[in-house]
Protein backbone atom coordinates (compact mmCIF):
# COMPACT_ATOMS: atom_id res chain seq x y z
CA MET A 1 0.00 0.00 0.00
CA VAL A 2 1.46 3.35 -1.07
CA ARG A 3 0.64 6.15 1.35
CA LYS A 4 -0.80 9.38 0.03
CA PRO A 5 1.76 12.22 0.26
CA GLU A 6 0.95 15.37 2.19
CA GLY A 7 0.02 18.58 0.38
CA GLU A 8 -1.35 19.27 -3.08
CA LEU A 9 -0.83 16.39 -5.49
CA ARG A 10 0.19 16.65 -9.13
CA ARG A 11 -2.21 15.22 -11.71
CA GLY A 12 -1.08 13.01 -14.58
CA TRP A 13 -2.22 11.74 -17.97
CA THR A 14 -3.83 8.44 -18.89
CA THR A 15 -2.43 5.93 -21.33
CA GLY A 16 -5.29 6.92 -23.64
CA ALA A 17 -4.24 10.58 -23.60
CA CYS A 18 -0.63 9.63 -24.32
CA ALA A 19 -1.69 7.36 -27.20
CA THR A 20 -3.82 10.15 -28.65
CA ALA A 21 -0.95 12.63 -28.47
CA ALA A 22 1.38 10.10 -30.10
CA THR A 23 -1.24 9.52 -32.82
CA ARG A 24 -1.45 13.25 -33.57
CA ALA A 25 2.32 13.63 -33.77
CA ALA A 26 2.78 10.51 -35.91
CA TYR A 27 -0.01 11.36 -38.34
CA THR A 28 1.23 14.94 -38.69
CA ALA A 29 4.67 13.56 -39.60
CA LEU A 30 3.18 11.01 -42.00
CA LEU A 31 1.31 13.80 -43.79
CA SER A 32 3.86 16.61 -43.61
CA GLY A 33 7.23 15.03 -42.86
CA ARG A 34 7.48 17.01 -39.62
CA PHE A 35 6.97 15.87 -36.01
CA PRO A 36 5.36 18.50 -33.75
CA ASP A 37 7.28 18.48 -30.47
CA PRO A 38 5.69 19.09 -28.07
CA VAL A 39 2.32 17.99 -29.40
CA SER A 40 -0.97 19.25 -27.97
CA ILE A 41 -4.34 17.49 -27.86
CA THR A 42 -7.80 18.42 -26.61
CA LEU A 43 -9.19 16.19 -23.87
CA PRO A 44 -12.91 15.37 -23.54
CA GLY A 45 -13.25 18.08 -20.87
CA GLY A 46 -11.64 20.72 -23.07
CA GLU A 47 -8.20 20.83 -21.43
CA GLN A 48 -5.27 21.05 -23.87
CA PRO A 49 -2.11 19.47 -22.44
CA ALA A 50 1.17 19.27 -24.37
CA PHE A 51 3.36 16.17 -24.52
CA ALA A 52 7.07 15.90 -25.29
CA LEU A 53 8.08 13.19 -27.77
CA ASN A 54 10.41 10.46 -26.55
CA ARG A 55 10.95 8.83 -29.95
CA GLU A 56 10.37 9.86 -33.56
CA GLU A 57 10.66 7.52 -36.54
CA LEU A 58 9.56 8.24 -40.10
CA GLY A 59 10.00 5.64 -42.81
CA PRO A 60 8.44 4.37 -46.04
CA GLY A 61 4.69 4.32 -45.34
CA PHE A 62 4.88 4.57 -41.56
CA ALA A 63 5.45 7.01 -38.70
CA ARG A 64 6.16 6.07 -35.09
CA VAL A 65 6.05 8.20 -31.94
CA GLY A 66 6.73 7.29 -28.31
CA ILE A 67 5.56 9.34 -25.31
CA ILE A 68 6.53 8.68 -21.68
CA LYS A 69 3.45 8.47 -19.50
CA ASP A 70 3.50 10.81 -16.52
CA ALA A 71 0.93 9.70 -13.91
CA GLY A 72 1.69 12.67 -11.66
CA ASP A 73 1.73 11.72 -7.99
CA ASP A 74 -0.49 8.68 -8.48
CA PRO A 75 1.11 5.27 -7.72
CA ASP A 76 0.13 4.06 -11.20
CA VAL A 77 1.70 0.86 -12.52
CA THR A 78 2.19 2.50 -15.94
CA HIS A 79 3.94 5.62 -14.60
CA LEU A 80 6.99 6.31 -16.81
CA ALA A 81 6.04 3.58 -19.29
CA GLU A 82 6.52 4.50 -22.94
CA ILE A 83 3.31 4.56 -24.99
CA VAL A 84 4.29 3.96 -28.63
CA VAL A 85 1.99 4.50 -31.61
CA THR A 86 2.86 3.34 -35.13
CA LEU A 87 0.70 4.57 -38.01
CA ARG A 88 0.47 3.01 -41.46
CA ARG A 89 -1.82 3.78 -44.34
CA GLY A 90 -4.73 1.36 -44.50
CA GLU A 91 -6.71 -0.15 -47.34
CA LYS A 92 -9.12 2.10 -49.21
CA ASP A 93 -12.33 2.77 -47.25
CA SER A 94 -11.05 0.82 -44.23
CA GLY A 95 -11.31 3.84 -41.95
CA VAL A 96 -9.38 3.74 -38.67
CA VAL A 97 -8.31 0.25 -37.60
CA PHE A 98 -6.71 -0.53 -34.22
CA ARG A 99 -4.12 -3.20 -33.53
CA ALA A 100 -2.37 -4.33 -30.35
CA GLY A 101 1.40 -4.13 -30.56
CA GLU A 102 4.00 -5.34 -28.08
CA GLY A 103 2.80 -5.03 -24.49
CA VAL A 104 -0.84 -4.20 -25.27
CA GLY A 105 -3.36 -6.92 -24.48
CA GLN A 106 -5.96 -8.70 -26.55
CA VAL A 107 -9.50 -9.14 -25.19
CA THR A 108 -10.46 -12.82 -24.95
CA LYS A 109 -13.61 -12.81 -22.78
CA PRO A 110 -17.02 -11.16 -23.16
CA GLY A 111 -18.31 -8.55 -20.73
CA LEU A 112 -15.74 -5.82 -21.38
CA PRO A 113 -16.35 -2.60 -23.35
CA ILE A 114 -14.30 -4.07 -26.21
CA PRO A 115 -15.39 -7.41 -27.78
CA PRO A 116 -13.21 -10.53 -27.78
CA GLY A 117 -10.54 -10.60 -30.45
CA GLU A 118 -9.94 -6.84 -30.35
CA ALA A 119 -6.98 -4.90 -28.99
CA SER A 120 -7.59 -3.76 -25.42
CA ILE A 121 -7.89 -0.10 -26.32
CA ASN A 122 -10.95 1.26 -24.55
CA PRO A 123 -13.78 3.20 -26.23
CA VAL A 124 -12.83 6.75 -25.19
CA PRO A 125 -9.16 6.45 -26.28
CA ARG A 126 -10.38 4.92 -29.57
CA LYS A 127 -12.73 7.85 -30.06
CA MET A 128 -10.01 10.39 -29.25
CA MET A 129 -7.56 8.81 -31.67
CA THR A 130 -10.18 8.43 -34.39
CA GLN A 131 -11.19 12.09 -34.06
CA THR A 132 -7.53 13.08 -34.33
CA ILE A 133 -7.17 11.15 -37.59
CA GLU A 134 -10.39 12.65 -38.96
CA GLN A 135 -9.38 16.21 -38.07
CA LEU A 136 -5.95 15.97 -39.65
CA SER A 137 -7.29 14.09 -42.68
CA ALA A 138 -9.75 16.92 -43.34
CA GLU A 139 -6.98 19.49 -42.94
CA PHE A 140 -4.64 17.74 -45.39
CA GLY A 141 -7.28 16.39 -47.78
CA GLU A 142 -6.59 12.72 -46.92
CA SER A 143 -8.99 9.77 -46.80
CA GLY A 144 -8.24 8.87 -43.16
CA ASP A 145 -7.73 5.14 -43.87
CA ILE A 146 -5.17 4.45 -41.17
CA LEU A 147 -3.94 1.46 -39.18
CA ILE A 148 -3.06 2.44 -35.59
CA GLU A 149 -0.82 0.06 -33.68
CA VAL A 150 -0.31 0.84 -29.98
CA SER A 151 2.59 -0.70 -28.06
CA VAL A 152 3.95 -0.45 -24.53
CA PRO A 153 7.48 -1.90 -24.24
CA GLY A 154 7.56 -4.06 -21.10
CA GLY A 155 3.76 -3.94 -20.91
CA LYS A 156 3.37 -7.71 -20.75
CA GLU A 157 5.31 -7.79 -17.48
CA LEU A 158 3.53 -4.71 -16.08
CA ALA A 159 0.15 -6.28 -16.85
CA GLN A 160 0.85 -9.01 -14.28
CA LYS A 161 0.44 -6.30 -11.63
CA THR A 162 -3.04 -5.45 -12.93
CA TRP A 163 -6.41 -7.18 -13.20
CA ASN A 164 -5.90 -7.88 -16.91
CA PRO A 165 -5.07 -11.60 -16.65
CA ARG A 166 -8.21 -12.24 -14.56
CA LEU A 167 -10.33 -10.24 -16.97
CA GLY A 168 -9.11 -12.32 -19.90
CA ILE A 169 -6.98 -9.52 -21.37
CA LEU A 170 -3.89 -11.42 -22.45
CA GLY A 171 -0.46 -10.30 -23.56
CA GLY A 172 -0.25 -6.88 -22.01
CA LEU A 173 -1.83 -3.71 -20.68
CA SER A 174 -5.00 -1.87 -21.61
CA ILE A 175 -5.09 1.63 -23.06
CA LEU A 176 -7.49 3.37 -20.71
CA GLY A 177 -9.06 6.63 -19.67
CA THR A 178 -12.37 8.46 -19.92
CA THR A 179 -11.19 12.00 -19.17
CA GLY A 180 -7.52 11.73 -20.15
CA ILE A 181 -6.54 12.86 -16.66
CA VAL A 182 -5.14 10.77 -13.79
CA VAL A 183 -6.38 12.14 -10.47
CA PRO A 184 -3.86 11.03 -7.79
CA PHE A 185 -5.17 8.56 -5.22
CA SER A 186 -8.73 8.87 -6.54
CA CYS A 187 -9.05 5.05 -6.38
CA SER A 188 -11.25 5.23 -9.48
CA ALA A 189 -9.05 2.77 -11.39
CA TRP A 190 -9.37 0.16 -8.63
CA ILE A 191 -13.15 0.52 -8.42
CA HIS A 192 -13.35 0.47 -12.23
CA SER A 193 -11.46 -2.85 -12.18
CA ILE A 194 -13.91 -4.30 -9.64
CA HIS A 195 -16.79 -3.34 -11.92
CA ARG A 196 -15.12 -4.89 -14.98
CA GLY A 197 -14.48 -8.07 -13.00
CA ILE A 198 -18.19 -8.31 -12.23
CA ASP A 199 -19.05 -7.67 -15.88
CA VAL A 200 -16.75 -10.47 -17.04
CA ALA A 201 -18.07 -12.86 -14.38
CA ARG A 202 -21.63 -12.22 -15.55
CA ALA A 203 -20.76 -12.52 -19.24
CA THR A 204 -18.91 -15.81 -18.72
CA GLY A 205 -21.66 -17.39 -16.64
CA GLN A 206 -20.01 -17.34 -13.23
CA SER A 207 -22.58 -18.02 -10.51
CA HIS A 208 -20.29 -17.44 -7.52
CA VAL A 209 -17.75 -14.64 -7.01
CA ALA A 210 -15.69 -13.52 -4.03
CA GLY A 211 -14.55 -10.11 -2.85
CA CYS A 212 -11.69 -10.07 -0.37
CA THR A 213 -9.80 -7.39 1.51
CA GLY A 214 -6.31 -8.78 0.86
CA SER A 215 -4.22 -11.59 -0.56
CA THR A 216 -4.32 -13.79 2.56
CA SER A 217 -8.11 -13.91 2.71
CA GLU A 218 -8.35 -14.20 -1.07
CA LYS A 219 -6.15 -17.30 -1.18
CA ALA A 220 -8.07 -18.88 1.69
CA VAL A 221 -11.51 -18.20 0.18
CA GLN A 222 -10.41 -19.43 -3.24
CA LYS A 223 -9.13 -22.67 -1.75
CA ILE A 224 -12.22 -23.29 0.41
CA HIS A 225 -14.70 -22.70 -2.42
CA GLY A 226 -12.56 -23.91 -5.33
CA LEU A 227 -13.16 -20.73 -7.30
CA PRO A 228 -11.30 -19.86 -10.53
CA ASP A 229 -9.17 -16.71 -10.75
CA SER A 230 -11.85 -15.01 -12.85
CA ALA A 231 -14.30 -15.26 -9.93
CA MET A 232 -11.97 -13.44 -7.52
CA LEU A 233 -12.74 -9.72 -7.22
CA ASP A 234 -9.93 -7.75 -5.59
CA MET A 235 -12.27 -5.77 -3.34
CA GLY A 236 -9.60 -4.32 -1.06
CA ASP A 237 -11.12 -1.52 1.01
CA PHE A 238 -13.89 -0.81 -1.49
CA ALA A 239 -16.77 -2.89 -0.15
CA GLY A 240 -19.20 -0.20 -1.23
CA GLY A 241 -17.84 -0.14 -4.78
CA LEU A 242 -18.35 -3.91 -5.00
CA LEU A 243 -21.75 -4.12 -3.33
CA LYS A 244 -23.37 -1.15 -5.07
CA TYR A 245 -22.35 -2.41 -8.51
CA LEU A 246 -23.58 -5.93 -7.70
CA ARG A 247 -26.92 -4.46 -6.62
CA LYS A 248 -27.39 -3.11 -10.16
CA HIS A 249 -25.71 -6.09 -11.86
CA PRO A 250 -26.50 -9.07 -9.60
CA LEU A 251 -24.91 -12.48 -9.48
CA PRO A 252 -26.34 -15.52 -7.67
CA ARG A 253 -23.72 -15.78 -4.91
CA LEU A 254 -21.08 -13.62 -3.24
CA THR A 255 -18.48 -14.55 -0.65
CA ILE A 256 -16.84 -11.73 1.30
CA GLY A 257 -13.54 -12.56 2.94
CA GLY A 258 -11.17 -10.54 5.07
CA GLY A 259 -9.40 -9.95 8.34
CA PHE A 260 -11.15 -9.28 11.61
CA ALA A 261 -10.50 -5.53 11.75
CA LYS A 262 -11.66 -4.77 8.20
CA LEU A 263 -14.81 -6.85 8.46
CA THR A 264 -15.61 -5.45 11.91
CA LYS A 265 -15.85 -2.07 10.19
CA LEU A 266 -18.17 -3.56 7.57
CA ALA A 267 -20.17 -5.09 10.42
CA ALA A 268 -20.58 -1.62 11.92
CA GLY A 269 -21.96 -0.32 8.63
CA HIS A 270 -18.86 1.17 6.97
CA LEU A 271 -18.57 0.57 3.21
CA ASP A 272 -15.11 2.14 2.82
CA LEU A 273 -12.73 0.03 4.90
CA HIS A 274 -9.59 2.16 4.50
CA SER A 275 -7.99 3.11 7.81
CA GLY A 276 -7.97 6.77 6.78
CA ARG A 277 -11.72 6.81 6.17
CA SER A 278 -13.19 4.49 8.80
CA GLN A 279 -12.09 3.25 12.21
CA VAL A 280 -12.93 0.31 14.43
CA ASP A 281 -15.38 1.48 17.11
CA PHE A 282 -14.01 -0.23 20.20
CA ASP A 283 -16.95 0.78 22.41
CA TRP A 284 -19.38 -0.76 19.92
CA LEU A 285 -17.18 -3.87 19.60
CA ALA A 286 -16.93 -4.22 23.41
CA GLU A 287 -20.73 -4.03 23.69
CA ARG A 288 -21.12 -6.85 21.19
CA PHE A 289 -18.48 -8.79 23.14
CA ALA A 290 -20.42 -8.28 26.38
CA LYS A 291 -23.71 -9.46 24.82
CA LEU A 292 -21.98 -12.72 23.86
CA GLY A 293 -21.12 -13.39 27.51
CA ALA A 294 -17.62 -11.96 27.97
CA THR A 295 -16.47 -11.23 31.50
CA ALA A 296 -16.48 -7.66 32.78
CA ASP A 297 -12.67 -7.61 32.81
CA ALA A 298 -12.49 -8.82 29.22
CA VAL A 299 -15.04 -6.22 28.10
CA ALA A 300 -13.07 -3.47 29.84
CA ALA A 301 -9.88 -4.70 28.16
CA ALA A 302 -11.66 -4.69 24.81
CA ARG A 303 -12.65 -1.03 25.26
CA GLU A 304 -9.01 -0.10 25.87
CA ALA A 305 -7.51 -2.32 23.17
CA ASN A 306 -5.11 -0.86 20.63
CA THR A 307 -6.16 -3.16 17.80
CA ALA A 308 -9.19 -5.21 16.81
CA ASN A 309 -7.05 -8.33 16.79
CA GLN A 310 -6.37 -7.85 20.51
CA VAL A 311 -10.13 -8.04 21.07
CA LEU A 312 -10.35 -11.14 18.89
CA ALA A 313 -7.62 -12.78 20.99
CA LEU A 314 -9.57 -11.98 24.17
CA ALA A 315 -12.66 -13.61 22.64
CA GLN A 316 -10.74 -16.69 21.54
CA ASP A 317 -9.27 -17.09 25.03
CA GLN A 318 -12.81 -17.28 26.42
CA ALA A 319 -14.16 -19.37 23.52
CA ILE A 320 -16.62 -16.61 22.66
CA PRO A 321 -17.66 -16.57 18.97
CA LEU A 322 -17.02 -12.87 18.41
CA ALA A 323 -15.68 -13.43 14.89
CA ASP A 324 -18.86 -15.31 13.97
CA SER A 325 -20.90 -12.41 15.35
CA MET A 326 -18.93 -9.88 13.30
CA ALA A 327 -19.29 -12.03 10.19
CA ALA A 328 -23.07 -12.14 10.72
CA ALA A 329 -23.23 -8.37 11.19
CA ALA A 330 -21.04 -7.80 8.10
CA ARG A 331 -23.35 -10.09 6.14
CA LYS A 332 -26.33 -8.03 7.31
CA THR A 333 -24.63 -4.84 6.08
CA ALA A 334 -23.91 -6.44 2.72
CA LEU A 335 -27.48 -7.68 2.30
CA GLY A 336 -28.74 -4.22 3.22
CA VAL A 337 -26.93 -2.87 0.15
CA LEU A 338 -27.56 -5.82 -2.18
CA GLY A 339 -31.09 -6.83 -1.34
CA GLN A 340 -32.02 -10.52 -1.30
CA GLU A 341 -31.31 -11.41 -4.94
CA THR A 342 -27.69 -12.39 -4.15
CA LYS A 343 -26.85 -15.06 -1.58
CA VAL A 344 -24.04 -13.88 0.69
CA ASP A 345 -21.62 -15.60 3.02
CA VAL A 346 -18.86 -13.90 5.00
CA MET A 347 -15.56 -15.41 6.17
CA ILE A 348 -13.12 -13.87 8.64
CA PHE A 349 -9.49 -15.05 8.69
CA ASP A 350 -6.50 -14.47 10.94
CA ARG A 351 -3.15 -13.28 9.59
CA ALA A 352 -2.07 -16.85 8.85
CA GLY A 353 -5.15 -17.48 6.73
CA ASN A 354 -6.97 -19.62 9.30
CA LEU A 355 -10.75 -19.29 9.44
CA SER A 356 -11.79 -17.41 12.58
CA GLY A 357 -15.49 -16.83 11.92
CA ARG A 358 -18.14 -17.16 9.26
CA ALA A 359 -21.79 -16.44 8.53
CA ASP A 360 -24.12 -17.69 5.82
CA GLU A 361 -27.80 -18.46 5.33
CA SER A 362 -27.84 -21.37 7.78
């Protein structure tokens, strides 16, 4: 987990914005023999950033431009990656055709905004690049029949740090962005990935998915239920992002897995489980502990505890099913968001991945 720096944060540019800028520079060179450097583009919101060129190549029938992606202060996996666009003239009346080059993935599963068999270049970047070709074609009196190949050197390795393999995007990264702007620590990319994971699960007929707060609980849930990778939704702290999207796009069954502290916050009604945005309420937790039969001394110790896991240890020492109680309360919170269309079970694990508590329909 990368901590958010103090003070005002610097914005960055999406891979889609970089690919559009590279397209404009490459097509200008293909038409005029000159690379504009820096090159400016207009984003969907009207902003007009300028991008320096990292590579320029002009040869018989092709032009190639590389731009280094600057994600600003966001801990983006593609920060400082080179987004390379190669343009070639296409067949007559072919229009703009997109192709995945080195390090850009191919879509292989339904449910994503781009159909299987296509390069993983999302709709807004495609639109921005297509509009760029159309504008320059009109200016120079060209037909606009162009093949656009987008590459990201090293993208295949970087993609292993993203959701792409689970989503069935193979061979590399996706070219993304709806505004062209990366807002540091906005978490929008993570929540977007959760939504796409649900879309793919629905499109591929998955009946059971799991959302977990971390890798330990994810591995444990996957083993217990025998779920494929494509059914595992990397929920992290964004329980609300998962549950609200599932309410609108339901699946038959959901398992929520996580550690005691995170799921205690869900049990108390919090949908954002990040430590900076929600805290364990130790008075509330101690009251639940007392109702389960804990001694007065144990309840007092729970109120003064430094961590939720200290309270769990107190409960385990007295054989009190506090983790089961928290799992049941977390399940109630989840069902309150989802409604009854999705069956829900909740599993709480310790740091070693051992099951501490659970709740389901029984």
